[in-house]
Amino acid sequence: KLRELVRKGWPVENLHLACCTVETGEYHAVLVAEAPDGNAYMLDNRQEGPVNVINLFMLSYKPDIIQAVGGQPEWREWKVSEIHSSR
C-alpha cells in the first residue's frame, strides 16, 4: 500500500507505518496516510477500505506506536488525536 501510494504521488512523509492491538488481542501493523483534506486514514488489509483514524476505537483497535515521520526509522507513541489534527 505504501509503495503504491508513493507511486501515485503521495509524499512518503505523509505515510506512516503504525502498530496497534486489534479486537482479537493480536498485534497488527497498518499504514496511516495523512490526506490533503487534513484527515488521517488507516489502510489495513483487515478492512474493506480506508478508515478515518478517529474511528479506530469503534473497531476496537488500540494504537501503540507510529513512525514519527513517514519513511524514517524513528518511532513514537501513537496518539490518534495528534495525527488527526496534524494539519
N, C-alpha and C. Protein backbone atom coordinates (compact mmCIF):
# COMPACT_ATOMS: atom_id res chain seq x y z
N LYS A 1 0.83 -1.18 0.00
CA LYS A 1 0.00 0.00 0.00
C LYS A 1 0.88 1.26 0.00
N LEU A 2 1.93 1.24 0.81
CA LEU A 2 2.82 2.39 0.87
C LEU A 2 3.47 2.64 -0.49
N ARG A 3 4.02 1.60 -1.08
CA ARG A 3 4.68 1.77 -2.38
C ARG A 3 3.71 2.27 -3.44
N GLU A 4 2.50 1.75 -3.43
CA GLU A 4 1.51 2.16 -4.42
C GLU A 4 1.15 3.63 -4.25
N LEU A 5 0.96 4.08 -3.02
CA LEU A 5 0.64 5.49 -2.79
C LEU A 5 1.80 6.40 -3.19
N VAL A 6 3.03 6.00 -2.89
CA VAL A 6 4.19 6.80 -3.30
C VAL A 6 4.25 6.87 -4.83
N ARG A 7 4.01 5.73 -5.48
CA ARG A 7 3.99 5.71 -6.95
C ARG A 7 2.94 6.66 -7.51
N LYS A 8 1.83 6.83 -6.76
CA LYS A 8 0.75 7.71 -7.22
C LYS A 8 0.97 9.17 -6.81
N GLY A 9 2.12 9.46 -6.19
CA GLY A 9 2.45 10.85 -5.90
C GLY A 9 2.30 11.29 -4.46
N TRP A 10 1.92 10.41 -3.55
CA TRP A 10 1.81 10.79 -2.14
C TRP A 10 3.21 11.01 -1.58
N PRO A 11 3.43 12.07 -0.82
CA PRO A 11 4.73 12.27 -0.17
C PRO A 11 4.95 11.20 0.89
N VAL A 12 6.09 10.54 0.87
CA VAL A 12 6.37 9.47 1.84
C VAL A 12 6.29 9.99 3.27
N GLU A 13 6.56 11.27 3.47
CA GLU A 13 6.50 11.85 4.82
C GLU A 13 5.09 11.81 5.40
N ASN A 14 4.08 11.68 4.55
CA ASN A 14 2.68 11.64 4.98
C ASN A 14 2.16 10.21 5.15
N LEU A 15 3.05 9.24 4.98
CA LEU A 15 2.65 7.83 5.07
C LEU A 15 3.42 7.19 6.22
N HIS A 16 2.71 6.84 7.27
CA HIS A 16 3.33 6.34 8.50
C HIS A 16 2.97 4.88 8.74
N LEU A 17 3.97 4.04 8.92
CA LEU A 17 3.70 2.70 9.41
C LEU A 17 3.32 2.83 10.88
N ALA A 18 2.36 2.04 11.32
CA ALA A 18 1.90 2.13 12.70
C ALA A 18 1.56 0.73 13.20
N CYS A 19 1.62 0.56 14.52
CA CYS A 19 1.29 -0.72 15.15
C CYS A 19 0.20 -0.51 16.18
N CYS A 20 -0.67 -1.51 16.27
CA CYS A 20 -1.79 -1.43 17.21
C CYS A 20 -2.16 -2.85 17.64
N THR A 21 -2.98 -2.91 18.65
CA THR A 21 -3.58 -4.17 19.06
C THR A 21 -5.01 -4.16 18.54
N VAL A 22 -5.42 -5.25 17.91
CA VAL A 22 -6.77 -5.33 17.34
C VAL A 22 -7.70 -6.05 18.30
N GLU A 23 -8.97 -6.15 17.92
CA GLU A 23 -10.01 -6.68 18.80
C GLU A 23 -9.75 -8.10 19.28
N THR A 24 -8.95 -8.86 18.54
CA THR A 24 -8.63 -10.23 18.94
C THR A 24 -7.49 -10.29 19.95
N GLY A 25 -6.85 -9.13 20.21
CA GLY A 25 -5.70 -9.07 21.10
C GLY A 25 -4.38 -9.22 20.37
N GLU A 26 -4.43 -9.46 19.06
CA GLU A 26 -3.21 -9.60 18.27
C GLU A 26 -2.58 -8.25 17.99
N TYR A 27 -1.26 -8.25 17.87
CA TYR A 27 -0.51 -7.06 17.49
C TYR A 27 -0.53 -6.99 15.97
N HIS A 28 -0.74 -5.80 15.42
CA HIS A 28 -1.00 -5.68 13.99
C HIS A 28 -0.40 -4.39 13.46
N ALA A 29 0.14 -4.44 12.23
CA ALA A 29 0.70 -3.26 11.57
C ALA A 29 -0.29 -2.72 10.54
N VAL A 30 -0.36 -1.40 10.43
CA VAL A 30 -1.23 -0.72 9.47
C VAL A 30 -0.44 0.44 8.85
N LEU A 31 -1.01 1.05 7.85
CA LEU A 31 -0.44 2.24 7.24
C LEU A 31 -1.39 3.40 7.51
N VAL A 32 -0.84 4.51 7.99
CA VAL A 32 -1.64 5.71 8.22
C VAL A 32 -1.22 6.76 7.20
N ALA A 33 -2.19 7.24 6.43
CA ALA A 33 -1.94 8.23 5.39
C ALA A 33 -2.57 9.56 5.78
N GLU A 34 -1.73 10.59 5.86
CA GLU A 34 -2.24 11.94 6.11
C GLU A 34 -2.69 12.52 4.77
N ALA A 35 -3.96 12.77 4.64
CA ALA A 35 -4.55 13.22 3.37
C ALA A 35 -4.52 14.74 3.26
N PRO A 36 -4.59 15.25 2.03
CA PRO A 36 -4.62 16.70 1.82
C PRO A 36 -5.82 17.39 2.49
N ASP A 37 -6.89 16.63 2.77
CA ASP A 37 -8.07 17.23 3.40
C ASP A 37 -7.88 17.45 4.90
N GLY A 38 -6.69 17.11 5.43
CA GLY A 38 -6.42 17.31 6.85
C GLY A 38 -6.76 16.12 7.72
N ASN A 39 -7.35 15.10 7.15
CA ASN A 39 -7.68 13.89 7.90
C ASN A 39 -6.59 12.85 7.72
N ALA A 40 -6.55 11.89 8.63
CA ALA A 40 -5.63 10.77 8.52
C ALA A 40 -6.46 9.50 8.39
N TYR A 41 -6.03 8.64 7.50
CA TYR A 41 -6.76 7.41 7.21
C TYR A 41 -5.88 6.20 7.42
N MET A 42 -6.44 5.17 8.03
CA MET A 42 -5.75 3.92 8.23
C MET A 42 -6.06 3.00 7.06
N LEU A 43 -5.01 2.44 6.48
CA LEU A 43 -5.15 1.44 5.43
C LEU A 43 -4.74 0.11 6.04
N ASP A 44 -5.63 -0.85 6.00
CA ASP A 44 -5.44 -2.10 6.73
C ASP A 44 -6.04 -3.23 5.91
N ASN A 45 -5.29 -4.31 5.75
CA ASN A 45 -5.80 -5.43 4.97
C ASN A 45 -6.98 -6.12 5.65
N ARG A 46 -7.29 -5.77 6.88
CA ARG A 46 -8.43 -6.35 7.59
C ARG A 46 -9.72 -5.54 7.35
N GLN A 47 -9.61 -4.42 6.67
CA GLN A 47 -10.76 -3.55 6.41
C GLN A 47 -10.98 -3.44 4.91
N GLU A 48 -12.21 -3.20 4.50
CA GLU A 48 -12.53 -3.11 3.06
C GLU A 48 -11.93 -1.88 2.39
N GLY A 49 -11.82 -0.79 3.11
CA GLY A 49 -11.29 0.43 2.55
C GLY A 49 -10.66 1.29 3.63
N PRO A 50 -10.23 2.50 3.27
CA PRO A 50 -9.62 3.39 4.26
C PRO A 50 -10.59 3.69 5.41
N VAL A 51 -10.03 3.81 6.60
CA VAL A 51 -10.80 4.12 7.80
C VAL A 51 -10.21 5.39 8.42
N ASN A 52 -11.05 6.39 8.65
CA ASN A 52 -10.57 7.58 9.33
C ASN A 52 -10.04 7.16 10.70
N VAL A 53 -8.85 7.63 11.08
CA VAL A 53 -8.24 7.17 12.33
C VAL A 53 -9.08 7.51 13.56
N ILE A 54 -9.95 8.49 13.46
CA ILE A 54 -10.79 8.78 14.63
C ILE A 54 -11.78 7.65 14.91
N ASN A 55 -11.92 6.73 13.97
CA ASN A 55 -12.83 5.59 14.15
C ASN A 55 -12.12 4.32 14.62
N LEU A 56 -10.82 4.41 14.92
CA LEU A 56 -10.09 3.22 15.36
C LEU A 56 -10.72 2.55 16.57
N PHE A 57 -11.12 3.36 17.53
CA PHE A 57 -11.65 2.80 18.77
C PHE A 57 -13.00 2.11 18.53
N MET A 58 -13.75 2.55 17.54
CA MET A 58 -15.01 1.88 17.19
C MET A 58 -14.73 0.48 16.65
N LEU A 59 -13.55 0.28 16.07
CA LEU A 59 -13.15 -1.03 15.57
C LEU A 59 -12.45 -1.85 16.66
N SER A 60 -12.33 -1.28 17.84
CA SER A 60 -11.61 -1.90 18.97
C SER A 60 -10.12 -2.04 18.70
N TYR A 61 -9.55 -1.13 17.91
CA TYR A 61 -8.11 -1.07 17.70
C TYR A 61 -7.52 -0.17 18.78
N LYS A 62 -6.40 -0.60 19.35
CA LYS A 62 -5.72 0.20 20.36
C LYS A 62 -4.36 0.61 19.82
N PRO A 63 -4.17 1.89 19.49
CA PRO A 63 -2.91 2.37 18.93
C PRO A 63 -1.74 2.15 19.90
N ASP A 64 -0.56 1.85 19.35
CA ASP A 64 0.64 1.69 20.16
C ASP A 64 1.73 2.65 19.70
N ILE A 65 2.40 2.31 18.58
CA ILE A 65 3.48 3.17 18.09
C ILE A 65 3.26 3.49 16.61
N ILE A 66 3.91 4.60 16.18
CA ILE A 66 3.79 5.06 14.80
C ILE A 66 5.11 5.72 14.40
N GLN A 67 5.45 5.65 13.13
CA GLN A 67 6.64 6.35 12.66
C GLN A 67 6.46 7.84 12.93
N ALA A 68 7.48 8.47 13.49
CA ALA A 68 7.41 9.90 13.77
C ALA A 68 7.25 10.68 12.47
N VAL A 69 8.02 10.31 11.46
CA VAL A 69 7.91 10.90 10.13
C VAL A 69 7.90 9.73 9.16
N GLY A 70 6.96 9.73 8.25
CA GLY A 70 6.88 8.63 7.28
C GLY A 70 8.19 8.45 6.54
N GLY A 71 8.60 7.20 6.39
CA GLY A 71 9.83 6.89 5.68
C GLY A 71 11.08 6.98 6.53
N GLN A 72 10.95 7.31 7.81
CA GLN A 72 12.10 7.45 8.70
C GLN A 72 12.05 6.37 9.78
N PRO A 73 13.21 6.02 10.37
CA PRO A 73 13.24 4.93 11.35
C PRO A 73 12.81 5.29 12.77
N GLU A 74 12.54 6.54 13.05
CA GLU A 74 12.15 6.93 14.40
C GLU A 74 10.68 6.64 14.65
N TRP A 75 10.39 6.07 15.82
CA TRP A 75 9.03 5.73 16.21
C TRP A 75 8.67 6.50 17.46
N ARG A 76 7.37 6.68 17.68
CA ARG A 76 6.88 7.36 18.89
C ARG A 76 5.54 6.75 19.27
N GLU A 77 5.06 7.11 20.45
CA GLU A 77 3.74 6.66 20.87
C GLU A 77 2.71 7.18 19.87
N TRP A 78 1.74 6.34 19.53
CA TRP A 78 0.71 6.73 18.57
C TRP A 78 -0.48 7.30 19.32
N LYS A 79 -0.61 8.61 19.25
CA LYS A 79 -1.76 9.29 19.83
C LYS A 79 -2.64 9.71 18.67
N VAL A 80 -3.78 9.09 18.52
CA VAL A 80 -4.66 9.30 17.37
C VAL A 80 -4.98 10.78 17.18
N SER A 81 -5.23 11.50 18.26
CA SER A 81 -5.61 12.91 18.14
C SER A 81 -4.49 13.75 17.52
N GLU A 82 -3.22 13.38 17.76
CA GLU A 82 -2.10 14.13 17.18
C GLU A 82 -2.04 13.97 15.67
N ILE A 83 -2.22 12.75 15.18
CA ILE A 83 -2.18 12.53 13.73
C ILE A 83 -3.37 13.20 13.08
N HIS A 84 -4.54 13.04 13.67
CA HIS A 84 -5.75 13.59 13.06
C HIS A 84 -5.69 15.11 12.97
N SER A 85 -5.09 15.77 13.95
CA SER A 85 -5.07 17.23 13.96
C SER A 85 -3.73 17.79 13.50
N SER A 86 -2.95 17.00 12.76
CA SER A 86 -1.62 17.44 12.38
C SER A 86 -1.62 18.51 11.31
N ARG A 87 -2.76 18.80 10.71
CA ARG A 87 -2.81 19.85 9.67
C ARG A 87 -3.76 20.94 10.09
